[in-house]
């Protein structure tokens, strides 16, 4: 059986965190304006996009750090 410690995909982890934060912000904004049905999916999709972008940037940054020691 494989050891799952440290085997998380950083882009996917970023997406999950982005979805959670986006849905929270979208729900809060929707509750404030009285239109949860519109703002909750907007927050979810925005958070998912931003989370994927941040996760990909972190993943690429980790790969760049590994390459620096090989010169």
Protein backbone atom coordinates (compact mmCIF):
# COMPACT_ATOMS: atom_id res chain seq x y z
CA UNK A 1 0.00 0.00 0.00
CA UNK A 2 1.32 3.46 -0.87
CA UNK A 3 2.13 6.03 1.76
CA UNK A 4 -0.26 8.95 1.24
CA UNK A 5 1.76 11.40 3.28
CA UNK A 6 2.70 14.39 1.12
CA UNK A 7 1.11 12.97 -2.01
CA UNK A 8 -1.55 15.71 -2.36
CA UNK A 9 -1.86 17.52 -5.64
CA UNK A 10 -1.23 21.20 -4.89
CA UNK A 11 -3.50 22.44 -7.71
CA UNK A 12 -6.38 20.32 -6.43
CA UNK A 13 -5.77 21.41 -2.85
CA UNK A 14 -5.83 25.03 -3.98
CA UNK A 15 -9.08 24.44 -5.82
CA UNK A 16 -10.73 22.94 -2.74
CA UNK A 17 -9.62 25.82 -0.53
CA UNK A 18 -10.71 28.33 -3.17
CA UNK A 19 -14.12 26.69 -3.44
CA UNK A 20 -14.63 26.83 0.32
CA UNK A 21 -13.56 30.46 0.60
CA UNK A 22 -15.51 31.48 -2.51
CA UNK A 23 -18.69 29.80 -1.36
CA UNK A 24 -18.38 31.44 2.05
CA UNK A 25 -17.88 34.88 0.55
CA UNK A 26 -20.62 34.33 -2.02
CA UNK A 27 -23.07 33.23 0.66
CA UNK A 28 -22.20 36.20 2.86
CA UNK A 29 -22.60 38.62 -0.04
CA UNK A 30 -25.84 36.93 -1.09
CA UNK A 31 -27.25 37.11 2.41
CA UNK A 32 -26.32 40.79 2.61
CA UNK A 33 -27.99 41.65 -0.70
CA UNK A 34 -30.87 39.19 -0.30
CA UNK A 35 -29.94 37.20 -3.42
CA UNK A 36 -28.12 34.05 -2.28
CA UNK A 37 -29.16 32.16 -5.41
CA UNK A 38 -27.07 34.43 -7.60
CA UNK A 39 -24.02 35.14 -5.44
CA UNK A 40 -23.35 31.67 -4.03
CA UNK A 41 -22.58 30.05 -7.43
CA UNK A 42 -20.64 33.14 -8.50
CA UNK A 43 -18.49 32.92 -5.38
CA UNK A 44 -18.02 29.19 -5.85
CA UNK A 45 -16.88 29.48 -9.46
CA UNK A 46 -14.65 32.49 -8.75
CA UNK A 47 -13.06 30.70 -5.81
CA UNK A 48 -12.51 27.58 -7.89
CA UNK A 49 -10.73 29.56 -10.63
CA UNK A 50 -8.58 31.52 -8.20
CA UNK A 51 -7.80 28.38 -6.21
CA UNK A 52 -6.62 26.53 -9.31
CA UNK A 53 -4.48 29.50 -10.34
CA UNK A 54 -2.86 29.76 -6.91
CA UNK A 55 -2.39 25.98 -6.67
CA UNK A 56 -0.72 25.89 -10.08
CA UNK A 57 1.54 28.80 -9.17
CA UNK A 58 2.60 27.06 -5.95
CA UNK A 59 3.21 23.82 -7.82
CA UNK A 60 5.33 25.58 -10.45
CA UNK A 61 7.24 27.45 -7.75
CA UNK A 62 8.03 24.16 -6.01
CA UNK A 63 9.34 22.73 -9.28
CA UNK A 64 11.53 25.81 -9.83
CA UNK A 65 13.06 25.45 -6.35
CA UNK A 66 14.05 21.87 -7.14
CA UNK A 67 15.81 22.95 -10.35
CA UNK A 68 17.96 25.60 -8.66
CA UNK A 69 20.12 23.11 -6.78
CA UNK A 70 21.08 21.16 -9.92
CA UNK A 71 23.31 23.83 -11.49
